[in-house]
Amino acid sequence: MSEALAGKVALVTGAARGIGRAVALKLATAGCDVVANYYNSHEEAEAVCAEVRNLGRRAVAIKASVGIPDSVDELFVELRRHFDRLDIVVSNAASGVLRPATDMALKHWRWCMETNALALNLLAQRAVPLMPQGGRIIAMSSLGALRAMPGYGFIGASKAALESLVRTLAQELGPRGIRVNAVSAGVVDTDALQYFPNREELLASFAQRTPAGPVLTAEDVAGAVYLLCLPEAGMVNGHTLFVDGGFAISG
């Protein structure tokens, strides 16, 4: 792959594992220096940075909780010690509680909304002053933003809020030459899926109903993020790109 993004700096949240890791490495392969944000997975984040450096790029791992304003402030203070610009932000870190909505409490609502939706706004507020024309902000969503899924109610609501915020930020930041989009991934068998009690059912349903093939990988999702970062995607703004092999159209 050509280094279409050579010289750019990318911040990827939740970059230690799964889709975040795949995105960080994809962008590094395309020429980006990488800031790998993590919260609990220090060793894994450092391993990602080592792989990025092996590609000849600069990389730094920074711990922060993306749903807490003070923590995001600290993230950007540390980021600016290493880089004086930021071209790409991928808001990938996510969390939530898998329970029926009727069993949830206010603390669960706040946790889902702050980590999955508010984080995008916190990152954008702090990133925009560092972003030149052509900057990209990409949020990771899921099919739960549109579909009712057992135990996924509060997480799905937070993803729906995230996609709405993407549209608002796209409108506000478009005149500054910054494009804001979302990528909505289908079922990817990452570590996060281990927490779903119906994991095997989800994987089987995806394999059966997906026209493009039975398996969706983190690298497939990273490829979509890469496409949105290219100059050729300069007029794609406020869009949610589905990367699910056609699962969502299959009834």
C-alpha atoms as a PDB file:
ATOM      1  CA  MET A   1       0.000   0.000   0.000  1.00  0.00           C
ATOM      2  CA  SER A   2       1.296   3.438  -0.871  1.00  0.00           C
ATOM      3  CA  GLU A   3       1.901   5.892   1.942  1.00  0.00           C
ATOM      4  CA  ALA A   4      -1.135   7.982   1.103  1.00  0.00           C
ATOM      5  CA  LEU A   5      -1.178   9.560   4.564  1.00  0.00           C
ATOM      6  CA  ALA A   6       2.552  10.186   4.893  1.00  0.00           C
ATOM      7  CA  GLY A   7       3.486  12.823   7.465  1.00  0.00           C
ATOM      8  CA  LYS A   8       0.110  12.873   9.191  1.00  0.00           C
ATOM      9  CA  VAL A   9      -0.450  12.342  12.912  1.00  0.00           C
ATOM     10  CA  ALA A  10      -3.314  10.130  14.096  1.00  0.00           C
ATOM     11  CA  LEU A  11      -4.815   9.727  17.552  1.00  0.00           C
ATOM     12  CA  VAL A  12      -6.623   6.410  18.010  1.00  0.00           C
ATOM     13  CA  THR A  13      -8.471   5.849  21.276  1.00  0.00           C
ATOM     14  CA  GLY A  14      -8.774   2.320  22.593  1.00  0.00           C
ATOM     15  CA  ALA A  15      -5.820   1.429  20.389  1.00  0.00           C
ATOM     16  CA  ALA A  16      -4.395  -1.427  22.440  1.00  0.00           C
ATOM     17  CA  ARG A  17      -6.622  -4.200  21.139  1.00  0.00           C
ATOM     18  CA  GLY A  18      -9.209  -5.244  18.592  1.00  0.00           C
ATOM     19  CA  ILE A  19     -10.458  -2.709  16.084  1.00  0.00           C
ATOM     20  CA  GLY A  20      -8.458   0.136  17.629  1.00  0.00           C
ATOM     21  CA  ARG A  21      -5.223  -1.802  17.233  1.00  0.00           C
ATOM     22  CA  ALA A  22      -6.058  -2.656  13.623  1.00  0.00           C
ATOM     23  CA  VAL A  23      -6.837   0.998  12.873  1.00  0.00           C
ATOM     24  CA  ALA A  24      -3.595   2.221  14.445  1.00  0.00           C
ATOM     25  CA  LEU A  25      -1.524  -0.232  12.404  1.00  0.00           C
ATOM     26  CA  LYS A  26      -3.443   0.467   9.184  1.00  0.00           C
ATOM     27  CA  LEU A  27      -2.875   4.204   9.513  1.00  0.00           C
ATOM     28  CA  ALA A  28       0.789   3.649  10.364  1.00  0.00           C
ATOM     29  CA  THR A  29       1.201   1.499   7.276  1.00  0.00           C
ATOM     30  CA  ALA A  30      -0.286   4.364   5.270  1.00  0.00           C
ATOM     31  CA  GLY A  31       2.318   6.779   6.647  1.00  0.00           C
ATOM     32  CA  CYS A  32       0.882   8.142   9.900  1.00  0.00           C
ATOM     33  CA  ASP A  33       2.622   8.706  13.193  1.00  0.00           C
ATOM     34  CA  VAL A  34       0.354   7.337  15.913  1.00  0.00           C
ATOM     35  CA  VAL A  35      -0.821   8.318  19.381  1.00  0.00           C
ATOM     36  CA  ALA A  36      -2.199   5.106  20.896  1.00  0.00           C
ATOM     37  CA  ASN A  37      -4.616   5.884  23.714  1.00  0.00           C
ATOM     38  CA  TYR A  38      -5.447   3.156  26.225  1.00  0.00           C
ATOM     39  CA  TYR A  39      -6.955   2.867  29.682  1.00  0.00           C
ATOM     40  CA  ASN A  40      -6.133  -0.522  31.215  1.00  0.00           C
ATOM     41  CA  SER A  41      -4.027  -2.250  28.579  1.00  0.00           C
ATOM     42  CA  HIS A  42      -0.602  -0.647  28.998  1.00  0.00           C
ATOM     43  CA  GLU A  43       1.511  -3.537  27.739  1.00  0.00           C
ATOM     44  CA  GLU A  44      -0.713  -4.100  24.715  1.00  0.00           C
ATOM     45  CA  ALA A  45      -0.609  -0.389  23.843  1.00  0.00           C
ATOM     46  CA  GLU A  46       3.182  -0.373  24.066  1.00  0.00           C
ATOM     47  CA  ALA A  47       3.266  -3.431  21.813  1.00  0.00           C
ATOM     48  CA  VAL A  48       1.176  -1.568  19.229  1.00  0.00           C
ATOM     49  CA  CYS A  49       3.589   1.349  19.419  1.00  0.00           C
ATOM     50  CA  ALA A  50       6.514  -1.010  18.899  1.00  0.00           C
ATOM     51  CA  GLU A  51       4.880  -2.317  15.720  1.00  0.00           C
ATOM     52  CA  VAL A  52       4.268   1.241  14.523  1.00  0.00           C
ATOM     53  CA  ARG A  53       7.916   2.143  15.130  1.00  0.00           C
ATOM     54  CA  ASN A  54       8.999  -0.950  13.210  1.00  0.00           C
ATOM     55  CA  LEU A  55       7.207   0.586  10.235  1.00  0.00           C
ATOM     56  CA  GLY A  56       9.405   3.666  10.568  1.00  0.00           C
ATOM     57  CA  ARG A  57       6.802   5.875  12.223  1.00  0.00           C
ATOM     58  CA  ARG A  58       6.750   7.686  15.524  1.00  0.00           C
ATOM     59  CA  ALA A  59       4.417   6.359  18.200  1.00  0.00           C
ATOM     60  CA  VAL A  60       3.494   7.101  21.786  1.00  0.00           C
ATOM     61  CA  ALA A  61       1.075   5.341  24.148  1.00  0.00           C
ATOM     62  CA  ILE A  62      -0.943   7.605  26.448  1.00  0.00           C
ATOM     63  CA  LYS A  63      -3.300   6.496  29.201  1.00  0.00           C
ATOM     64  CA  ALA A  64      -6.609   8.353  29.548  1.00  0.00           C
ATOM     65  CA  SER A  65     -10.285   7.752  30.222  1.00  0.00           C
ATOM     66  CA  VAL A  66     -11.949   9.394  27.228  1.00  0.00           C
ATOM     67  CA  GLY A  67     -15.290  10.078  28.908  1.00  0.00           C
ATOM     68  CA  ILE A  68     -13.760  12.220  31.686  1.00  0.00           C
ATOM     69  CA  PRO A  69     -12.910  15.828  30.685  1.00  0.00           C
ATOM     70  CA  ASP A  70      -9.899  16.181  33.002  1.00  0.00           C
ATOM     71  CA  SER A  71      -8.438  12.924  31.733  1.00  0.00           C
ATOM     72  CA  VAL A  72      -8.855  14.010  28.114  1.00  0.00           C
ATOM     73  CA  ASP A  73      -7.114  17.287  29.018  1.00  0.00           C
ATOM     74  CA  GLU A  74      -4.196  15.262  30.366  1.00  0.00           C
ATOM     75  CA  LEU A  75      -4.173  13.167  27.201  1.00  0.00           C
ATOM     76  CA  PHE A  76      -3.739  16.266  25.060  1.00  0.00           C
ATOM     77  CA  VAL A  77      -1.111  17.791  27.321  1.00  0.00           C
ATOM     78  CA  GLU A  78       0.978  14.659  26.860  1.00  0.00           C
ATOM     79  CA  LEU A  79       0.175  14.465  23.144  1.00  0.00           C
ATOM     80  CA  ARG A  80       1.472  18.018  22.637  1.00  0.00           C
ATOM     81  CA  ARG A  81       4.771  17.058  24.252  1.00  0.00           C
ATOM     82  CA  HIS A  82       5.344  14.818  21.228  1.00  0.00           C
ATOM     83  CA  PHE A  83       3.410  16.406  18.352  1.00  0.00           C
ATOM     84  CA  ASP A  84       2.433  19.948  17.397  1.00  0.00           C
ATOM     85  CA  ARG A  85      -0.364  18.936  15.051  1.00  0.00           C
ATOM     86  CA  LEU A  86      -3.099  16.340  14.754  1.00  0.00           C
ATOM     87  CA  ASP A  87      -4.560  15.295  11.424  1.00  0.00           C
ATOM     88  CA  ILE A  88      -6.759  12.325  12.311  1.00  0.00           C
ATOM     89  CA  VAL A  89      -8.782  11.420  15.395  1.00  0.00           C
ATOM     90  CA  VAL A  90     -10.419   8.003  15.627  1.00  0.00           C
ATOM     91  CA  SER A  91     -12.812   7.837  18.580  1.00  0.00           C
ATOM     92  CA  ASN A  92     -12.838   4.078  19.042  1.00  0.00           C
ATOM     93  CA  ALA A  93     -12.713   3.461  22.805  1.00  0.00           C
ATOM     94  CA  ALA A  94     -16.044   2.193  24.087  1.00  0.00           C
ATOM     95  CA  SER A  95     -17.606   0.591  27.110  1.00  0.00           C
ATOM     96  CA  GLY A  96     -20.982  -0.273  28.485  1.00  0.00           C
ATOM     97  CA  VAL A  97     -23.187  -2.537  30.553  1.00  0.00           C
ATOM     98  CA  LEU A  98     -24.911  -5.552  28.996  1.00  0.00           C
ATOM     99  CA  ARG A  99     -28.233  -5.799  30.804  1.00  0.00           C
ATOM    100  CA  PRO A 100     -31.914  -5.294  30.022  1.00  0.00           C
ATOM    101  CA  ALA A 101     -32.796  -1.597  30.056  1.00  0.00           C
ATOM    102  CA  THR A 102     -35.322  -2.199  32.827  1.00  0.00           C
ATOM    103  CA  ASP A 103     -32.493  -3.390  35.091  1.00  0.00           C
ATOM    104  CA  MET A 104     -30.321  -0.321  34.526  1.00  0.00           C
ATOM    105  CA  ALA A 105     -29.626   2.624  36.816  1.00  0.00           C
ATOM    106  CA  LEU A 106     -28.570   6.218  36.257  1.00  0.00           C
ATOM    107  CA  LYS A 107     -24.885   5.330  36.740  1.00  0.00           C
ATOM    108  CA  HIS A 108     -25.116   2.857  33.849  1.00  0.00           C
ATOM    109  CA  TRP A 109     -26.693   5.484  31.600  1.00  0.00           C
ATOM    110  CA  ARG A 110     -23.981   7.990  32.418  1.00  0.00           C
ATOM    111  CA  TRP A 111     -21.197   5.455  31.913  1.00  0.00           C
ATOM    112  CA  CYS A 112     -22.444   4.444  28.456  1.00  0.00           C
ATOM    113  CA  MET A 113     -23.211   7.974  27.298  1.00  0.00           C
ATOM    114  CA  GLU A 114     -20.047   9.564  28.605  1.00  0.00           C
ATOM    115  CA  THR A 115     -17.648   6.898  27.367  1.00  0.00           C
ATOM    116  CA  ASN A 116     -19.283   6.243  23.999  1.00  0.00           C
ATOM    117  CA  ALA A 117     -20.824   9.570  22.981  1.00  0.00           C
ATOM    118  CA  LEU A 118     -19.554  12.462  25.092  1.00  0.00           C
ATOM    119  CA  ALA A 119     -15.984  11.302  24.440  1.00  0.00           C
ATOM    120  CA  LEU A 120     -16.297  12.250  20.781  1.00  0.00           C
ATOM    121  CA  ASN A 121     -17.153  15.829  21.671  1.00  0.00           C
ATOM    122  CA  LEU A 122     -14.390  16.050  24.281  1.00  0.00           C
ATOM    123  CA  LEU A 123     -11.849  14.811  21.736  1.00  0.00           C
ATOM    124  CA  ALA A 124     -13.108  17.141  19.009  1.00  0.00           C
ATOM    125  CA  GLN A 125     -13.000  20.215  21.264  1.00  0.00           C
ATOM    126  CA  ARG A 126      -9.362  19.597  22.080  1.00  0.00           C
ATOM    127  CA  ALA A 127      -8.252  18.286  18.688  1.00  0.00           C
ATOM    128  CA  VAL A 128      -9.662  20.978  16.412  1.00  0.00           C
ATOM    129  CA  PRO A 129      -7.146  23.692  17.443  1.00  0.00           C
ATOM    130  CA  LEU A 130      -4.383  21.293  16.342  1.00  0.00           C
ATOM    131  CA  MET A 131      -6.024  20.221  13.084  1.00  0.00           C
ATOM    132  CA  PRO A 132      -5.198  21.744   9.702  1.00  0.00           C
ATOM    133  CA  GLN A 133      -7.421  21.817   6.625  1.00  0.00           C
ATOM    134  CA  GLY A 134      -8.114  18.249   5.609  1.00  0.00           C
ATOM    135  CA  GLY A 135      -8.407  16.971   9.162  1.00  0.00           C
ATOM    136  CA  ARG A 136     -10.500  13.898   9.850  1.00  0.00           C
ATOM    137  CA  ILE A 137     -12.529  12.878  12.898  1.00  0.00           C
ATOM    138  CA  ILE A 138     -13.991   9.373  12.752  1.00  0.00           C
ATOM    139  CA  ALA A 139     -16.208   7.760  15.379  1.00  0.00           C
ATOM    140  CA  MET A 140     -16.773   4.029  15.730  1.00  0.00           C
ATOM    141  CA  SER A 141     -20.438   3.077  15.959  1.00  0.00           C
ATOM    142  CA  SER A 142     -22.334  -0.211  15.778  1.00  0.00           C
ATOM    143  CA  LEU A 143     -25.518  -1.696  14.378  1.00  0.00           C
ATOM    144  CA  GLY A 144     -27.046  -1.311  17.844  1.00  0.00           C
ATOM    145  CA  ALA A 145     -27.534   2.371  17.043  1.00  0.00           C
ATOM    146  CA  LEU A 146     -30.384   1.336  14.732  1.00  0.00           C
ATOM    147  CA  ARG A 147     -31.433  -2.131  15.868  1.00  0.00           C
ATOM    148  CA  ALA A 148     -32.809  -3.446  19.142  1.00  0.00           C
ATOM    149  CA  MET A 149     -30.404  -6.045  20.526  1.00  0.00           C
ATOM    150  CA  PRO A 150     -30.883  -8.006  23.784  1.00  0.00           C
ATOM    151  CA  GLY A 151     -29.022  -6.388  26.664  1.00  0.00           C
ATOM    152  CA  TYR A 152     -27.622  -3.665  24.419  1.00  0.00           C
ATOM    153  CA  GLY A 153     -30.197  -0.946  25.096  1.00  0.00           C
ATOM    154  CA  PHE A 154     -28.068   1.684  26.821  1.00  0.00           C
ATOM    155  CA  ILE A 155     -25.036   1.005  24.634  1.00  0.00           C
ATOM    156  CA  GLY A 156     -27.215   1.209  21.531  1.00  0.00           C
ATOM    157  CA  ALA A 157     -28.696   4.495  22.736  1.00  0.00           C
ATOM    158  CA  SER A 158     -25.203   5.883  23.249  1.00  0.00           C
ATOM    159  CA  LYS A 159     -24.203   4.820  19.728  1.00  0.00           C
ATOM    160  CA  ALA A 160     -27.298   6.489  18.296  1.00  0.00           C
ATOM    161  CA  ALA A 161     -26.354   9.652  20.186  1.00  0.00           C
ATOM    162  CA  LEU A 162     -22.823   9.289  18.815  1.00  0.00           C
ATOM    163  CA  GLU A 163     -24.046   9.174  15.221  1.00  0.00           C
ATOM    164  CA  SER A 164     -26.239  12.228  15.807  1.00  0.00           C
ATOM    165  CA  LEU A 165     -23.254  14.083  17.244  1.00  0.00           C
ATOM    166  CA  VAL A 166     -21.200  13.106  14.184  1.00  0.00           C
ATOM    167  CA  ARG A 167     -23.735  14.877  11.984  1.00  0.00           C
ATOM    168  CA  THR A 168     -23.670  17.990  14.172  1.00  0.00           C
ATOM    169  CA  LEU A 169     -19.872  18.152  14.276  1.00  0.00           C
ATOM    170  CA  ALA A 170     -19.714  17.597  10.528  1.00  0.00           C
ATOM    171  CA  GLN A 171     -21.922  20.635  10.046  1.00  0.00           C
ATOM    172  CA  GLU A 172     -19.993  22.786  12.497  1.00  0.00           C
ATOM    173  CA  LEU A 173     -16.477  21.807  11.412  1.00  0.00           C
ATOM    174  CA  GLY A 174     -17.052  21.420   7.689  1.00  0.00           C
ATOM    175  CA  PRO A 175     -16.294  25.095   6.927  1.00  0.00           C
ATOM    176  CA  ARG A 176     -12.917  24.622   8.645  1.00  0.00           C
ATOM    177  CA  GLY A 177     -11.994  21.838   6.243  1.00  0.00           C
ATOM    178  CA  ILE A 178     -12.446  19.120   8.869  1.00  0.00           C
ATOM    179  CA  ARG A 179     -14.575  16.120   7.943  1.00  0.00           C
ATOM    180  CA  VAL A 180     -16.452  14.124  10.596  1.00  0.00           C
ATOM    181  CA  ASN A 181     -17.862  10.669   9.883  1.00  0.00           C
ATOM    182  CA  ALA A 182     -18.703   7.405  11.593  1.00  0.00           C
ATOM    183  CA  VAL A 183     -17.962   3.778  10.798  1.00  0.00           C
ATOM    184  CA  SER A 184     -20.595   1.288  11.939  1.00  0.00           C
ATOM    185  CA  ALA A 185     -19.151  -2.197  12.169  1.00  0.00           C
ATOM    186  CA  GLY A 186     -20.920  -5.518  12.084  1.00  0.00           C
ATOM    187  CA  VAL A 187     -20.046  -8.437  14.339  1.00  0.00           C
ATOM    188  CA  VAL A 188     -16.280  -8.694  14.795  1.00  0.00           C
ATOM    189  CA  ASP A 189     -14.906 -11.432  17.033  1.00  0.00           C
ATOM    190  CA  THR A 190     -12.697  -9.259  19.247  1.00  0.00           C
ATOM    191  CA  ASP A 191     -11.998  -9.503  22.984  1.00  0.00           C
ATOM    192  CA  ALA A 192     -14.984  -7.228  23.610  1.00  0.00           C
ATOM    193  CA  LEU A 193     -17.352  -9.808  22.129  1.00  0.00           C
ATOM    194  CA  GLN A 194     -16.335 -12.261  24.858  1.00  0.00           C
ATOM    195  CA  TYR A 195     -18.522 -10.273  27.270  1.00  0.00           C
ATOM    196  CA  PHE A 196     -21.682 -10.896  25.242  1.00  0.00           C
ATOM    197  CA  PRO A 197     -23.642 -13.825  26.693  1.00  0.00           C
ATOM    198  CA  ASN A 198     -25.009 -14.551  23.198  1.00  0.00           C
ATOM    199  CA  ARG A 199     -21.607 -14.350  21.473  1.00  0.00           C
ATOM    200  CA  GLU A 200     -21.936 -17.664  19.636  1.00  0.00           C
ATOM    201  CA  GLU A 201     -25.440 -16.785  18.485  1.00  0.00           C
ATOM    202  CA  LEU A 202     -24.256 -13.404  17.174  1.00  0.00           C
ATOM    203  CA  LEU A 203     -21.387 -14.951  15.240  1.00  0.00           C
ATOM    204  CA  ALA A 204     -23.613 -17.678  13.788  1.00  0.00           C
ATOM    205  CA  SER A 205     -26.297 -15.199  12.742  1.00  0.00           C
ATOM    206  CA  PHE A 206     -23.717 -12.945  11.120  1.00  0.00           C
ATOM    207  CA  ALA A 207     -22.151 -15.856   9.230  1.00  0.00           C
ATOM    208  CA  GLN A 208     -25.534 -17.026   7.967  1.00  0.00           C
ATOM    209  CA  ARG A 209     -26.966 -13.668   6.920  1.00  0.00           C
ATOM    210  CA  THR A 210     -23.992 -11.783   5.490  1.00  0.00           C
ATOM    211  CA  PRO A 211     -23.925 -11.778   1.666  1.00  0.00           C
ATOM    212  CA  ALA A 212     -20.236 -10.873   1.415  1.00  0.00           C
ATOM    213  CA  GLY A 213     -18.966 -13.740   3.574  1.00  0.00           C
ATOM    214  CA  PRO A 214     -19.187 -15.268   7.032  1.00  0.00           C
ATOM    215  CA  VAL A 215     -16.356 -13.440   8.794  1.00  0.00           C
ATOM    216  CA  LEU A 216     -15.762  -9.744   9.394  1.00  0.00           C
ATOM    217  CA  THR A 217     -12.307  -8.843  10.721  1.00  0.00           C
ATOM    218  CA  ALA A 218     -10.932  -5.863  12.586  1.00  0.00           C
ATOM    219  CA  GLU A 219      -8.746  -5.224   9.547  1.00  0.00           C
ATOM    220  CA  ASP A 220     -11.859  -4.906   7.370  1.00  0.00           C
ATOM    221  CA  VAL A 221     -13.139  -2.172   9.672  1.00  0.00           C
ATOM    222  CA  ALA A 222      -9.731  -0.468   9.747  1.00  0.00           C
ATOM    223  CA  GLY A 223      -9.781  -0.379   5.971  1.00  0.00           C
ATOM    224  CA  ALA A 224     -12.986   1.654   6.031  1.00  0.00           C
ATOM    225  CA  VAL A 225     -11.449   4.144   8.459  1.00  0.00           C
ATOM    226  CA  TYR A 226      -8.468   4.440   6.125  1.00  0.00           C
ATOM    227  CA  LEU A 227     -10.738   5.166   3.162  1.00  0.00           C
ATOM    228  CA  LEU A 228     -12.429   8.020   5.024  1.00  0.00           C
ATOM    229  CA  CYS A 229      -9.007   9.518   5.781  1.00  0.00           C
ATOM    230  CA  LEU A 230      -7.956   9.703   2.138  1.00  0.00           C
ATOM    231  CA  PRO A 231      -8.053  13.029   0.269  1.00  0.00           C
ATOM    232  CA  GLU A 232     -10.490  11.438  -2.177  1.00  0.00           C
ATOM    233  CA  ALA A 233     -13.049  11.273   0.660  1.00  0.00           C
ATOM    234  CA  GLY A 234     -12.932  15.032   1.117  1.00  0.00           C
ATOM    235  CA  MET A 235     -16.627  15.467   0.297  1.00  0.00           C
ATOM    236  CA  VAL A 236     -17.819  12.657   2.545  1.00  0.00           C
ATOM    237  CA  ASN A 237     -19.057  14.431   5.649  1.00  0.00           C
ATOM    238  CA  GLY A 238     -21.578  13.586   8.362  1.00  0.00           C
ATOM    239  CA  HIS A 239     -21.930  10.057   7.010  1.00  0.00           C
ATOM    240  CA  THR A 240     -22.173   6.699   8.778  1.00  0.00           C
ATOM    241  CA  LEU A 241     -20.400   4.054   6.711  1.00  0.00           C
ATOM    242  CA  PHE A 242     -21.606   0.505   7.336  1.00  0.00           C
ATOM    243  CA  VAL A 243     -18.923  -2.175   7.257  1.00  0.00           C
ATOM    244  CA  ASP A 244     -20.852  -5.380   7.765  1.00  0.00           C
ATOM    245  CA  GLY A 245     -20.673  -7.330   4.510  1.00  0.00           C
ATOM    246  CA  GLY A 246     -24.347  -6.564   3.894  1.00  0.00           C
ATOM    247  CA  PHE A 247     -25.612  -8.021   7.195  1.00  0.00           C
ATOM    248  CA  ALA A 248     -27.855  -5.029   7.899  1.00  0.00           C
ATOM    249  CA  ILE A 249     -29.704  -5.354   4.579  1.00  0.00           C
ATOM    250  CA  SER A 250     -30.515  -9.019   5.055  1.00  0.00           C
ATOM    251  CA  GLY A 251     -33.688  -8.697   7.079  1.00  0.00           C
END
